[in-house]
Amino acid sequence: MSIPLEKKDEIKKCSYFADYALQTVRGILFYLGLLIFFTGLPFILSFALGYKFNAHALKFVKTGLIYIKTQPEGAKIYLNNKLIPEKSPTSIQELVPGAYKITLELAQYYSWKGEVDVQEGKASRLDKIIFFPLRPDLQQLNQERFSSFRVDLQKEIIYYLDQDKNVIYRSNLGGDNFEDIAGIPENLIGIKGWEVAEDKAKMFIFNAHQIAVIFFDAKDNYEYSDSPVFIEYPREKIIQVFWHSDSYYLVVITNKHVAVIESRPGALPVNLVELNKENTLSFYDNKRDTLYFSDSQKTSDGALYNNLYRLELNSDFYLLERLMKKRPNEFSPAPEVARERKEQRSE
């Protein structure tokens, strides 16, 4: 069956228009793809190079990250109040510079909250976070009331002082073997401080004008009123007392002197340094038997300078005799005084 000529022309026209429409669509899609490619290319390259578009600043900025590590691990992480899939430890990357609110949560532990500042091309680290339990391991150690305590980690002993009952107790670090080991003289009032000797056989307690050395008796047959050795300072005010490493001598700081004295009845102090400052600050290194203390010194122009001194008190007992012969003003002067003396000698 033959197709009329007019029909063939119509078919050719339809085919032509179809091909033209198809080519037009292909061209539109091609140029649209090019447009999308070149439009998205900066974003793609920026993302690959670690940049991100900041909608607030309307520009590309280099991103930063937040590294989070917790102990224990496995904490939930909320970034600006939104839960993220990752748990600690992890890194939150591709963050636009700025401040971020971080909340960390772990079951049966106190949560952690904070704010982290993210900078361009840098990592903000949160790697020292420790979670503390909601129910801490809390244990009462004392079995009697007490006013103050001391912990000896080396000997694993805790000492308790009860000023109301005038009793000294002792236990191990776990609170076991709790026992009273000595008594405090009733006439010793206004206690300022106390310390156990290195030999753990005795301790001193002092107030403004008295030092009482109390001896421990493991057999519990001591007499509270007879055991202490009293050292009186009626004319001076005691500021601080330290044990010498030999557990026999005491290093005493008063408002007038730095002195050493034996812990025996009738002992007399050896005044090593005469002080100008009444409220002297001091620290004693009992491992090296070195005393650090402050004192003021007046220069020729009348100005007062606060100096820090170091006094060696090692086990060389002949050193004490040499110090007794040394006048207080022979200790290192203030830098200004030393400079004035040097200028005077040069003139």
C-alpha atoms as a PDB file:
ATOM      1  CA  MET A   1       0.000   0.000   0.000  1.00  0.00           C
ATOM      2  CA  SER A   2       1.513   3.275  -1.078  1.00  0.00           C
ATOM      3  CA  ILE A   3       1.552   6.458   1.125  1.00  0.00           C
ATOM      4  CA  PRO A   4       0.285   9.614  -0.538  1.00  0.00           C
ATOM      5  CA  LEU A   5       2.850  12.315  -1.235  1.00  0.00           C
ATOM      6  CA  GLU A   6       1.126  14.835   1.020  1.00  0.00           C
ATOM      7  CA  LYS A   7       1.274  12.383   3.902  1.00  0.00           C
ATOM      8  CA  LYS A   8       4.983  11.821   3.375  1.00  0.00           C
ATOM      9  CA  ASP A   9       5.627  15.570   3.572  1.00  0.00           C
ATOM     10  CA  GLU A  10       3.733  15.808   6.864  1.00  0.00           C
ATOM     11  CA  ILE A  11       5.750  12.914   8.303  1.00  0.00           C
ATOM     12  CA  LYS A  12       8.989  14.578   7.249  1.00  0.00           C
ATOM     13  CA  LYS A  13       7.920  17.855   8.864  1.00  0.00           C
ATOM     14  CA  CYS A  14       6.990  16.091  12.113  1.00  0.00           C
ATOM     15  CA  SER A  15      10.276  14.228  12.150  1.00  0.00           C
ATOM     16  CA  TYR A  16      12.145  17.474  11.516  1.00  0.00           C
ATOM     17  CA  PHE A  17      10.395  19.261  14.353  1.00  0.00           C
ATOM     18  CA  ALA A  18      10.983  16.295  16.658  1.00  0.00           C
ATOM     19  CA  ASP A  19      14.690  16.245  15.860  1.00  0.00           C
ATOM     20  CA  TYR A  20      14.849  20.014  16.319  1.00  0.00           C
ATOM     21  CA  ALA A  21      13.064  19.841  19.646  1.00  0.00           C
ATOM     22  CA  LEU A  22      15.348  17.036  20.773  1.00  0.00           C
ATOM     23  CA  GLN A  23      18.440  18.974  19.772  1.00  0.00           C
ATOM     24  CA  THR A  24      17.090  22.065  21.528  1.00  0.00           C
ATOM     25  CA  VAL A  25      16.456  20.099  24.742  1.00  0.00           C
ATOM     26  CA  ARG A  26      19.916  18.557  24.530  1.00  0.00           C
ATOM     27  CA  GLY A  27      21.434  21.999  24.062  1.00  0.00           C
ATOM     28  CA  ILE A  28      19.492  23.401  26.997  1.00  0.00           C
ATOM     29  CA  LEU A  29      20.530  20.471  29.188  1.00  0.00           C
ATOM     30  CA  PHE A  30      24.143  20.811  28.049  1.00  0.00           C
ATOM     31  CA  TYR A  31      24.374  24.492  28.831  1.00  0.00           C
ATOM     32  CA  LEU A  32      22.400  23.985  32.043  1.00  0.00           C
ATOM     33  CA  GLY A  33      24.906  21.309  33.074  1.00  0.00           C
ATOM     34  CA  LEU A  34      27.775  23.642  32.245  1.00  0.00           C
ATOM     35  CA  LEU A  35      26.105  26.363  34.285  1.00  0.00           C
ATOM     36  CA  ILE A  36      25.591  24.039  37.242  1.00  0.00           C
ATOM     37  CA  PHE A  37      29.152  22.725  36.937  1.00  0.00           C
ATOM     38  CA  PHE A  38      30.819  26.109  36.858  1.00  0.00           C
ATOM     39  CA  THR A  39      28.475  27.446  39.526  1.00  0.00           C
ATOM     40  CA  GLY A  40      29.179  24.519  41.839  1.00  0.00           C
ATOM     41  CA  LEU A  41      32.869  24.264  40.998  1.00  0.00           C
ATOM     42  CA  PRO A  42      33.946  26.851  43.591  1.00  0.00           C
ATOM     43  CA  PHE A  43      31.970  24.996  46.233  1.00  0.00           C
ATOM     44  CA  ILE A  44      33.468  21.679  45.204  1.00  0.00           C
ATOM     45  CA  LEU A  45      37.007  23.037  45.178  1.00  0.00           C
ATOM     46  CA  SER A  46      36.455  24.906  48.440  1.00  0.00           C
ATOM     47  CA  PHE A  47      35.109  21.780  50.091  1.00  0.00           C
ATOM     48  CA  ALA A  48      38.077  19.775  48.824  1.00  0.00           C
ATOM     49  CA  LEU A  49      40.525  22.401  50.124  1.00  0.00           C
ATOM     50  CA  GLY A  50      38.844  22.636  53.533  1.00  0.00           C
ATOM     51  CA  TYR A  51      36.715  25.729  52.918  1.00  0.00           C
ATOM     52  CA  LYS A  52      33.034  26.257  53.532  1.00  0.00           C
ATOM     53  CA  PHE A  53      30.596  29.008  52.621  1.00  0.00           C
ATOM     54  CA  ASN A  54      29.721  31.203  55.570  1.00  0.00           C
ATOM     55  CA  ALA A  55      26.140  32.359  55.084  1.00  0.00           C
ATOM     56  CA  HIS A  56      26.500  35.098  57.705  1.00  0.00           C
ATOM     57  CA  ALA A  57      29.688  36.566  56.216  1.00  0.00           C
ATOM     58  CA  LEU A  58      28.676  35.691  52.605  1.00  0.00           C
ATOM     59  CA  LYS A  59      32.123  34.369  51.788  1.00  0.00           C
ATOM     60  CA  PHE A  60      34.188  31.200  51.773  1.00  0.00           C
ATOM     61  CA  VAL A  61      36.169  30.576  54.955  1.00  0.00           C
ATOM     62  CA  LYS A  62      38.586  27.828  55.938  1.00  0.00           C
ATOM     63  CA  THR A  63      36.958  25.417  58.370  1.00  0.00           C
ATOM     64  CA  GLY A  64      38.211  24.096  61.687  1.00  0.00           C
ATOM     65  CA  LEU A  65      37.457  21.085  63.854  1.00  0.00           C
ATOM     66  CA  ILE A  66      36.805  20.100  67.462  1.00  0.00           C
ATOM     67  CA  TYR A  67      38.543  17.035  68.899  1.00  0.00           C
ATOM     68  CA  ILE A  68      36.794  15.499  71.907  1.00  0.00           C
ATOM     69  CA  LYS A  69      38.206  12.836  74.211  1.00  0.00           C
ATOM     70  CA  THR A  70      36.690  11.859  77.554  1.00  0.00           C
ATOM     71  CA  GLN A  71      37.427   9.525  80.420  1.00  0.00           C
ATOM     72  CA  PRO A  72      35.501   7.220  80.441  1.00  0.00           C
ATOM     73  CA  GLU A  73      34.815   7.100  76.695  1.00  0.00           C
ATOM     74  CA  GLY A  74      31.487   6.737  74.892  1.00  0.00           C
ATOM     75  CA  ALA A  75      29.861  10.058  75.845  1.00  0.00           C
ATOM     76  CA  LYS A  76      27.009  11.518  73.818  1.00  0.00           C
ATOM     77  CA  ILE A  77      27.902  14.796  72.110  1.00  0.00           C
ATOM     78  CA  TYR A  78      25.538  17.723  71.619  1.00  0.00           C
ATOM     79  CA  LEU A  79      26.740  20.438  69.236  1.00  0.00           C
ATOM     80  CA  ASN A  80      24.703  23.634  69.699  1.00  0.00           C
ATOM     81  CA  ASN A  81      22.048  21.539  71.499  1.00  0.00           C
ATOM     82  CA  LYS A  82      21.825  19.020  68.608  1.00  0.00           C
ATOM     83  CA  LEU A  83      22.870  15.395  69.141  1.00  0.00           C
ATOM     84  CA  ILE A  84      25.447  14.175  66.617  1.00  0.00           C
ATOM     85  CA  PRO A  85      25.852  10.491  65.685  1.00  0.00           C
ATOM     86  CA  GLU A  86      29.448  10.173  66.901  1.00  0.00           C
ATOM     87  CA  LYS A  87      30.490   9.502  70.500  1.00  0.00           C
ATOM     88  CA  SER A  88      33.735  10.341  72.275  1.00  0.00           C
ATOM     89  CA  PRO A  89      36.504  10.094  71.285  1.00  0.00           C
ATOM     90  CA  THR A  90      35.841  11.760  67.929  1.00  0.00           C
ATOM     91  CA  SER A  91      36.555  14.774  65.741  1.00  0.00           C
ATOM     92  CA  ILE A  92      33.814  17.131  64.565  1.00  0.00           C
ATOM     93  CA  GLN A  93      35.093  18.481  61.271  1.00  0.00           C
ATOM     94  CA  GLU A  94      34.187  21.122  58.650  1.00  0.00           C
ATOM     95  CA  LEU A  95      33.056  23.687  61.215  1.00  0.00           C
ATOM     96  CA  VAL A  96      32.772  27.336  60.249  1.00  0.00           C
ATOM     97  CA  PRO A  97      34.885  29.501  62.595  1.00  0.00           C
ATOM     98  CA  GLY A  98      32.971  30.751  65.599  1.00  0.00           C
ATOM     99  CA  ALA A  99      31.735  29.745  69.050  1.00  0.00           C
ATOM    100  CA  TYR A 100      30.018  26.393  69.555  1.00  0.00           C
ATOM    101  CA  LYS A 101      28.184  25.091  72.610  1.00  0.00           C
ATOM    102  CA  ILE A 102      29.247  21.580  73.586  1.00  0.00           C
ATOM    103  CA  THR A 103      27.372  19.279  75.966  1.00  0.00           C
ATOM    104  CA  LEU A 104      28.728  15.842  76.862  1.00  0.00           C
ATOM    105  CA  GLU A 105      26.589  13.234  78.603  1.00  0.00           C
ATOM    106  CA  LEU A 106      27.393   9.800  79.974  1.00  0.00           C
ATOM    107  CA  ALA A 107      25.033   7.635  81.989  1.00  0.00           C
ATOM    108  CA  GLN A 108      25.598   7.694  85.789  1.00  0.00           C
ATOM    109  CA  TYR A 109      28.065  10.581  85.518  1.00  0.00           C
ATOM    110  CA  TYR A 110      27.813  14.344  85.814  1.00  0.00           C
ATOM    111  CA  SER A 111      27.439  15.988  82.414  1.00  0.00           C
ATOM    112  CA  TRP A 112      29.953  18.456  81.020  1.00  0.00           C
ATOM    113  CA  LYS A 113      29.032  21.760  79.382  1.00  0.00           C
ATOM    114  CA  GLY A 114      31.221  24.370  77.760  1.00  0.00           C
ATOM    115  CA  GLU A 115      31.791  26.682  74.836  1.00  0.00           C
ATOM    116  CA  VAL A 116      34.534  26.110  72.274  1.00  0.00           C
ATOM    117  CA  ASP A 117      35.965  28.710  69.902  1.00  0.00           C
ATOM    118  CA  VAL A 118      36.764  27.248  66.474  1.00  0.00           C
ATOM    119  CA  GLN A 119      39.417  29.025  64.407  1.00  0.00           C
ATOM    120  CA  GLU A 120      40.249  28.775  60.716  1.00  0.00           C
ATOM    121  CA  GLY A 121      42.421  25.788  59.856  1.00  0.00           C
ATOM    122  CA  LYS A 122      42.944  24.817  63.511  1.00  0.00           C
ATOM    123  CA  ALA A 123      41.826  22.041  65.820  1.00  0.00           C
ATOM    124  CA  SER A 124      40.202  22.935  69.132  1.00  0.00           C
ATOM    125  CA  ARG A 125      40.974  20.154  71.622  1.00  0.00           C
ATOM    126  CA  LEU A 126      38.784  18.951  74.471  1.00  0.00           C
ATOM    127  CA  ASP A 127      40.950  16.011  75.516  1.00  0.00           C
ATOM    128  CA  LYS A 128      41.222  16.442  79.295  1.00  0.00           C
ATOM    129  CA  ILE A 129      37.579  15.909  80.246  1.00  0.00           C
ATOM    130  CA  ILE A 130      36.982  13.543  83.173  1.00  0.00           C
ATOM    131  CA  PHE A 131      33.469  12.427  84.098  1.00  0.00           C
ATOM    132  CA  PHE A 132      32.799  12.170  87.815  1.00  0.00           C
ATOM    133  CA  PRO A 133      30.184   9.672  89.064  1.00  0.00           C
ATOM    134  CA  LEU A 134      26.831  10.841  90.370  1.00  0.00           C
ATOM    135  CA  ARG A 135      27.379   8.649  93.422  1.00  0.00           C
ATOM    136  CA  PRO A 136      31.033   9.110  94.444  1.00  0.00           C
ATOM    137  CA  ASP A 137      32.879   6.539  96.530  1.00  0.00           C
ATOM    138  CA  LEU A 138      32.496   8.390  99.845  1.00  0.00           C
ATOM    139  CA  GLN A 139      33.655   6.790 103.085  1.00  0.00           C
ATOM    140  CA  GLN A 140      33.756   8.180 106.623  1.00  0.00           C
ATOM    141  CA  LEU A 141      37.091   7.425 108.286  1.00  0.00           C
ATOM    142  CA  ASN A 142      36.902   8.924 111.780  1.00  0.00           C
ATOM    143  CA  GLN A 143      35.246   7.119 114.679  1.00  0.00           C
ATOM    144  CA  GLU A 144      35.451  10.059 117.059  1.00  0.00           C
ATOM    145  CA  ARG A 145      35.037  13.815 116.744  1.00  0.00           C
ATOM    146  CA  PHE A 146      38.117  15.809 115.814  1.00  0.00           C
ATOM    147  CA  SER A 147      39.236  19.400 115.233  1.00  0.00           C
ATOM    148  CA  SER A 148      41.998  18.881 112.641  1.00  0.00           C
ATOM    149  CA  PHE A 149      43.941  16.065 110.993  1.00  0.00           C
ATOM    150  CA  ARG A 150      47.228  15.207 109.268  1.00  0.00           C
ATOM    151  CA  VAL A 151      47.863  12.533 106.613  1.00  0.00           C
ATOM    152  CA  ASP A 152      51.198  10.705 106.389  1.00  0.00           C
ATOM    153  CA  LEU A 153      51.191   9.029 102.964  1.00  0.00           C
ATOM    154  CA  GLN A 154      54.616   7.480 103.471  1.00  0.00           C
ATOM    155  CA  LYS A 155      53.603   5.650 106.641  1.00  0.00           C
ATOM    156  CA  GLU A 156      49.926   5.412 105.553  1.00  0.00           C
ATOM    157  CA  ILE A 157      48.721   6.940 108.809  1.00  0.00           C
ATOM    158  CA  ILE A 158      46.085   9.576 109.609  1.00  0.00           C
ATOM    159  CA  TYR A 159      46.397  11.608 112.819  1.00  0.00           C
ATOM    160  CA  TYR A 160      43.352  13.300 114.357  1.00  0.00           C
ATOM    161  CA  LEU A 161      43.411  16.052 116.983  1.00  0.00           C
ATOM    162  CA  ASP A 162      40.375  16.611 119.210  1.00  0.00           C
ATOM    163  CA  GLN A 163      40.728  19.903 121.108  1.00  0.00           C
ATOM    164  CA  ASP A 164      37.456  19.401 122.979  1.00  0.00           C
ATOM    165  CA  LYS A 165      38.487  16.109 124.597  1.00  0.00           C
ATOM    166  CA  ASN A 166      42.238  16.883 124.452  1.00  0.00           C
ATOM    167  CA  VAL A 167      42.981  13.584 122.718  1.00  0.00           C
ATOM    168  CA  ILE A 168      45.063  12.579 119.691  1.00  0.00           C
ATOM    169  CA  TYR A 169      43.862   9.649 117.567  1.00  0.00           C
ATOM    170  CA  ARG A 170      45.479   7.580 114.866  1.00  0.00           C
ATOM    171  CA  SER A 171      44.235   5.260 112.086  1.00  0.00           C
ATOM    172  CA  ASN A 172      45.377   3.853 108.767  1.00  0.00           C
ATOM    173  CA  LEU A 173      44.353   5.430 105.448  1.00  0.00           C
ATOM    174  CA  GLY A 174      41.225   3.280 105.347  1.00  0.00           C
ATOM    175  CA  GLY A 175      40.065   4.442 108.788  1.00  0.00           C
ATOM    176  CA  ASP A 176      40.798   1.072 110.413  1.00  0.00           C
ATOM    177  CA  ASN A 177      42.796   0.521 113.619  1.00  0.00           C
ATOM    178  CA  PHE A 178      41.358   3.758 115.000  1.00  0.00           C
ATOM    179  CA  GLU A 179      42.909   4.427 118.427  1.00  0.00           C
ATOM    180  CA  ASP A 180      43.878   7.215 120.784  1.00  0.00           C
ATOM    181  CA  ILE A 181      47.639   7.541 121.205  1.00  0.00           C
ATOM    182  CA  ALA A 182      48.197  10.597 123.410  1.00  0.00           C
ATOM    183  CA  GLY A 183      46.569  13.451 125.264  1.00  0.00           C
ATOM    184  CA  ILE A 184      46.815  17.216 124.935  1.00  0.00           C
ATOM    185  CA  PRO A 185      47.682  19.204 128.065  1.00  0.00           C
ATOM    186  CA  GLU A 186      44.564  20.950 129.309  1.00  0.00           C
ATOM    187  CA  ASN A 187      46.429  24.185 130.023  1.00  0.00           C
ATOM    188  CA  LEU A 188      47.537  24.496 126.380  1.00  0.00           C
ATOM    189  CA  ILE A 189      44.878  26.758 124.895  1.00  0.00           C
ATOM    190  CA  GLY A 190      44.665  28.738 121.689  1.00  0.00           C
ATOM    191  CA  ILE A 191      46.399  26.097 119.567  1.00  0.00           C
ATOM    192  CA  LYS A 192      47.910  27.572 116.376  1.00  0.00           C
ATOM    193  CA  GLY A 193      49.441  24.456 114.830  1.00  0.00           C
ATOM    194  CA  TRP A 194      50.826  20.959 115.300  1.00  0.00           C
ATOM    195  CA  GLU A 195      52.954  18.414 113.453  1.00  0.00           C
ATOM    196  CA  VAL A 196      54.099  14.821 113.921  1.00  0.00           C
ATOM    197  CA  ALA A 197      57.848  14.170 113.941  1.00  0.00           C
ATOM    198  CA  GLU A 198      59.569  12.158 111.213  1.00  0.00           C
ATOM    199  CA  ASP A 199      60.173   9.262 113.640  1.00  0.00           C
ATOM    200  CA  LYS A 200      56.379   9.093 114.317  1.00  0.00           C
ATOM    201  CA  ALA A 201      57.121   8.774 118.041  1.00  0.00           C
ATOM    202  CA  LYS A 202      56.111  12.297 119.050  1.00  0.00           C
ATOM    203  CA  MET A 203      54.525  15.534 117.940  1.00  0.00           C
ATOM    204  CA  PHE A 204      54.520  19.211 118.872  1.00  0.00           C
ATOM    205  CA  ILE A 205      51.579  21.504 119.494  1.00  0.00           C
ATOM    206  CA  PHE A 206      52.071  25.232 119.889  1.00  0.00           C
ATOM    207  CA  ASN A 207      50.207  28.405 120.690  1.00  0.00           C
ATOM    208  CA  ALA A 208      51.430  31.986 120.776  1.00  0.00           C
ATOM    209  CA  HIS A 209      53.842  31.479 123.708  1.00  0.00           C
ATOM    210  CA  GLN A 210      54.181  27.726 124.334  1.00  0.00           C
ATOM    211  CA  ILE A 211      55.360  24.608 122.542  1.00  0.00           C
ATOM    212  CA  ALA A 212      54.355  21.223 123.939  1.00  0.00           C
ATOM    213  CA  VAL A 213      56.201  18.114 122.722  1.00  0.00           C
ATOM    214  CA  ILE A 214      53.959  15.080 123.267  1.00  0.00           C
ATOM    215  CA  PHE A 215      55.329  11.526 123.129  1.00  0.00           C
ATOM    216  CA  PHE A 216      53.284   8.583 121.831  1.00  0.00           C
ATOM    217  CA  ASP A 217      53.192   5.324 123.803  1.00  0.00           C
ATOM    218  CA  ALA A 218      52.157   2.257 121.833  1.00  0.00           C
ATOM    219  CA  LYS A 219      51.497   0.385 125.099  1.00  0.00           C
ATOM    220  CA  ASP A 220      48.829   2.919 126.101  1.00  0.00           C
ATOM    221  CA  ASN A 221      50.303   3.305 129.594  1.00  0.00           C
ATOM    222  CA  TYR A 222      51.199   6.977 129.242  1.00  0.00           C
ATOM    223  CA  GLU A 223      50.288   9.689 131.721  1.00  0.00           C
ATOM    224  CA  TYR A 224      48.672  12.630 129.933  1.00  0.00           C
ATOM    225  CA  SER A 225      49.887  15.219 132.435  1.00  0.00           C
ATOM    226  CA  ASP A 226      53.470  13.900 132.706  1.00  0.00           C
ATOM    227  CA  SER A 227      54.396  13.138 129.076  1.00  0.00           C
ATOM    228  CA  PRO A 228      54.616  16.601 127.445  1.00  0.00           C
ATOM    229  CA  VAL A 229      57.785  18.696 127.343  1.00  0.00           C
ATOM    230  CA  PHE A 230      56.960  22.399 127.530  1.00  0.00           C
ATOM    231  CA  ILE A 231      59.053  25.077 125.852  1.00  0.00           C
ATOM    232  CA  GLU A 232      58.088  28.577 126.955  1.00  0.00           C
ATOM    233  CA  TYR A 233      58.357  31.813 124.951  1.00  0.00           C
ATOM    234  CA  PRO A 234      56.925  34.387 127.388  1.00  0.00           C
ATOM    235  CA  ARG A 235      58.535  37.433 125.731  1.00  0.00           C
ATOM    236  CA  GLU A 236      58.129  36.455 122.085  1.00  0.00           C
ATOM    237  CA  LYS A 237      55.189  35.497 119.888  1.00  0.00           C
ATOM    238  CA  ILE A 238      55.523  32.143 118.127  1.00  0.00           C
ATOM    239  CA  ILE A 239      54.670  32.405 114.432  1.00  0.00           C
ATOM    240  CA  GLN A 240      55.574  28.909 113.117  1.00  0.00           C
ATOM    241  CA  VAL A 241      57.333  25.722 114.229  1.00  0.00           C
ATOM    242  CA  PHE A 242      58.951  22.952 112.147  1.00  0.00           C
ATOM    243  CA  TRP A 243      60.581  19.619 112.934  1.00  0.00           C
ATOM    244  CA  HIS A 244      64.217  19.189 111.971  1.00  0.00           C
ATOM    245  CA  SER A 245      64.763  15.944 110.048  1.00  0.00           C
ATOM    246  CA  ASP A 246      66.476  14.404 113.095  1.00  0.00           C
ATOM    247  CA  SER A 247      63.111  14.522 114.978  1.00  0.00           C
ATOM    248  CA  TYR A 248      64.916  16.075 117.948  1.00  0.00           C
ATOM    249  CA  TYR A 249      65.482  19.738 117.135  1.00  0.00           C
ATOM    250  CA  LEU A 250      62.667  22.214 116.525  1.00  0.00           C
ATOM    251  CA  VAL A 251      62.977  25.146 114.142  1.00  0.00           C
ATOM    252  CA  VAL A 252      61.031  28.023 115.689  1.00  0.00           C
ATOM    253  CA  ILE A 253      59.977  31.267 113.995  1.00  0.00           C
ATOM    254  CA  THR A 254      58.924  34.044 116.353  1.00  0.00           C
ATOM    255  CA  ASN A 255      58.188  37.723 115.854  1.00  0.00           C
ATOM    256  CA  LYS A 256      61.841  38.431 116.730  1.00  0.00           C
ATOM    257  CA  HIS A 257      64.039  35.465 115.834  1.00  0.00           C
ATOM    258  CA  VAL A 258      64.653  32.369 113.772  1.00  0.00           C
ATOM    259  CA  ALA A 259      65.822  29.827 116.330  1.00  0.00           C
ATOM    260  CA  VAL A 260      66.524  26.127 116.872  1.00  0.00           C
ATOM    261  CA  ILE A 261      65.852  24.361 120.173  1.00  0.00           C
ATOM    262  CA  GLU A 262      66.098  20.806 121.487  1.00  0.00           C
ATOM    263  CA  SER A 263      62.858  19.004 122.362  1.00  0.00           C
ATOM    264  CA  ARG A 264      63.900  18.280 125.953  1.00  0.00           C
ATOM    265  CA  PRO A 265      63.124  19.816 129.329  1.00  0.00           C
ATOM    266  CA  GLY A 266      65.187  22.897 130.169  1.00  0.00           C
ATOM    267  CA  ALA A 267      66.499  23.403 126.632  1.00  0.00           C
ATOM    268  CA  LEU A 268      67.433  26.946 125.609  1.00  0.00           C
ATOM    269  CA  PRO A 269      66.880  28.312 122.084  1.00  0.00           C
ATOM    270  CA  VAL A 270      69.737  29.167 119.750  1.00  0.00           C
ATOM    271  CA  ASN A 271      68.754  32.403 118.008  1.00  0.00           C
ATOM    272  CA  LEU A 272      70.201  32.152 114.507  1.00  0.00           C
ATOM    273  CA  VAL A 273      68.680  35.222 112.871  1.00  0.00           C
ATOM    274  CA  GLU A 274      67.262  38.418 114.322  1.00  0.00           C
ATOM    275  CA  LEU A 275      64.153  39.462 112.397  1.00  0.00           C
ATOM    276  CA  ASN A 276      62.938  42.933 111.509  1.00  0.00           C
ATOM    277  CA  LYS A 277      59.492  41.797 110.396  1.00  0.00           C
ATOM    278  CA  GLU A 278      57.021  40.504 112.955  1.00  0.00           C
ATOM    279  CA  ASN A 279      54.780  38.426 110.659  1.00  0.00           C
ATOM    280  CA  THR A 280      57.432  36.457 108.815  1.00  0.00           C
ATOM    281  CA  LEU A 281      56.368  34.004 106.124  1.00  0.00           C
ATOM    282  CA  SER A 282      58.290  30.724 106.146  1.00  0.00           C
ATOM    283  CA  PHE A 283      58.588  27.315 104.492  1.00  0.00           C
ATOM    284  CA  TYR A 284      60.697  24.391 105.662  1.00  0.00           C
ATOM    285  CA  ASP A 285      62.091  21.676 103.397  1.00  0.00           C
ATOM    286  CA  ASN A 286      62.561  18.823 105.869  1.00  0.00           C
ATOM    287  CA  LYS A 287      64.182  16.606 103.233  1.00  0.00           C
ATOM    288  CA  ARG A 288      67.074  19.051 102.829  1.00  0.00           C
ATOM    289  CA  ASP A 289      66.702  20.813 106.197  1.00  0.00           C
ATOM    290  CA  THR A 290      66.452  24.178 104.490  1.00  0.00           C
ATOM    291  CA  LEU A 291      64.401  27.075 105.799  1.00  0.00           C
ATOM    292  CA  TYR A 292      63.022  29.741 103.467  1.00  0.00           C
ATOM    293  CA  PHE A 293      61.745  32.881 105.158  1.00  0.00           C
ATOM    294  CA  SER A 294      60.961  36.490 104.379  1.00  0.00           C
ATOM    295  CA  ASP A 295      62.144  39.546 106.265  1.00  0.00           C
ATOM    296  CA  SER A 296      62.207  43.293 105.712  1.00  0.00           C
ATOM    297  CA  GLN A 297      65.340  45.431 105.544  1.00  0.00           C
ATOM    298  CA  LYS A 298      65.726  49.188 105.689  1.00  0.00           C
ATOM    299  CA  THR A 299      68.104  50.998 103.335  1.00  0.00           C
ATOM    300  CA  SER A 300      69.950  54.261 103.939  1.00  0.00           C
ATOM    301  CA  ASP A 301      67.124  56.245 102.326  1.00  0.00           C
ATOM    302  CA  GLY A 302      64.651  54.811 104.864  1.00  0.00           C
ATOM    303  CA  ALA A 303      62.813  52.551 102.427  1.00  0.00           C
ATOM    304  CA  LEU A 304      61.792  49.025 103.498  1.00  0.00           C
ATOM    305  CA  TYR A 305      62.395  46.068 101.197  1.00  0.00           C
ATOM    306  CA  ASN A 306      60.971  42.585 101.642  1.00  0.00           C
ATOM    307  CA  ASN A 307      63.614  39.912 101.009  1.00  0.00           C
ATOM    308  CA  LEU A 308      63.479  36.131 100.787  1.00  0.00           C
ATOM    309  CA  TYR A 309      66.276  34.220 102.553  1.00  0.00           C
ATOM    310  CA  ARG A 310      67.425  30.623 102.601  1.00  0.00           C
ATOM    311  CA  LEU A 311      68.953  29.116 105.727  1.00  0.00           C
ATOM    312  CA  GLU A 312      70.671  25.722 105.558  1.00  0.00           C
ATOM    313  CA  LEU A 313      70.195  23.571 108.677  1.00  0.00           C
ATOM    314  CA  ASN A 314      71.606  20.215 107.619  1.00  0.00           C
ATOM    315  CA  SER A 315      72.732  17.454 109.953  1.00  0.00           C
ATOM    316  CA  ASP A 316      76.184  19.008 110.380  1.00  0.00           C
ATOM    317  CA  PHE A 317      75.746  20.135 113.992  1.00  0.00           C
ATOM    318  CA  TYR A 318      78.959  22.150 113.842  1.00  0.00           C
ATOM    319  CA  LEU A 319      77.018  24.338 111.423  1.00  0.00           C
ATOM    320  CA  LEU A 320      74.771  25.381 114.300  1.00  0.00           C
ATOM    321  CA  GLU A 321      77.772  26.557 116.248  1.00  0.00           C
ATOM    322  CA  ARG A 322      79.006  28.566 113.275  1.00  0.00           C
ATOM    323  CA  LEU A 323      75.583  30.106 112.882  1.00  0.00           C
ATOM    324  CA  MET A 324      75.571  31.071 116.574  1.00  0.00           C
ATOM    325  CA  LYS A 325      78.732  33.081 115.988  1.00  0.00           C
ATOM    326  CA  LYS A 326      77.309  34.706 112.866  1.00  0.00           C
ATOM    327  CA  ARG A 327      75.620  38.020 113.458  1.00  0.00           C
ATOM    328  CA  PRO A 328      72.098  38.453 112.025  1.00  0.00           C
ATOM    329  CA  ASN A 329      73.160  41.312 109.738  1.00  0.00           C
ATOM    330  CA  GLU A 330      75.696  39.044 108.053  1.00  0.00           C
ATOM    331  CA  PHE A 331      72.962  37.354 106.030  1.00  0.00           C
ATOM    332  CA  SER A 332      72.494  38.402 102.412  1.00  0.00           C
ATOM    333  CA  PRO A 333      71.311  42.037 102.276  1.00  0.00           C
ATOM    334  CA  ALA A 334      68.765  43.494  99.916  1.00  0.00           C
ATOM    335  CA  PRO A 335      70.009  44.145  96.358  1.00  0.00           C
ATOM    336  CA  GLU A 336      69.781  47.907  96.917  1.00  0.00           C
ATOM    337  CA  VAL A 337      71.843  47.692 100.104  1.00  0.00           C
ATOM    338  CA  ALA A 338      74.478  45.556  98.420  1.00  0.00           C
ATOM    339  CA  ARG A 339      74.728  48.046  95.592  1.00  0.00           C
ATOM    340  CA  GLU A 340      75.175  50.955  98.045  1.00  0.00           C
ATOM    341  CA  ARG A 341      77.922  49.086  99.936  1.00  0.00           C
ATOM    342  CA  LYS A 342      79.722  48.332  96.668  1.00  0.00           C
ATOM    343  CA  GLU A 343      79.608  52.017  95.669  1.00  0.00           C
ATOM    344  CA  GLN A 344      80.918  53.059  99.092  1.00  0.00           C
ATOM    345  CA  ARG A 345      83.856  50.643  98.826  1.00  0.00           C
ATOM    346  CA  SER A 346      84.687  51.914  95.337  1.00  0.00           C
ATOM    347  CA  GLU A 347      84.767  55.539  96.608  1.00  0.00           C
END
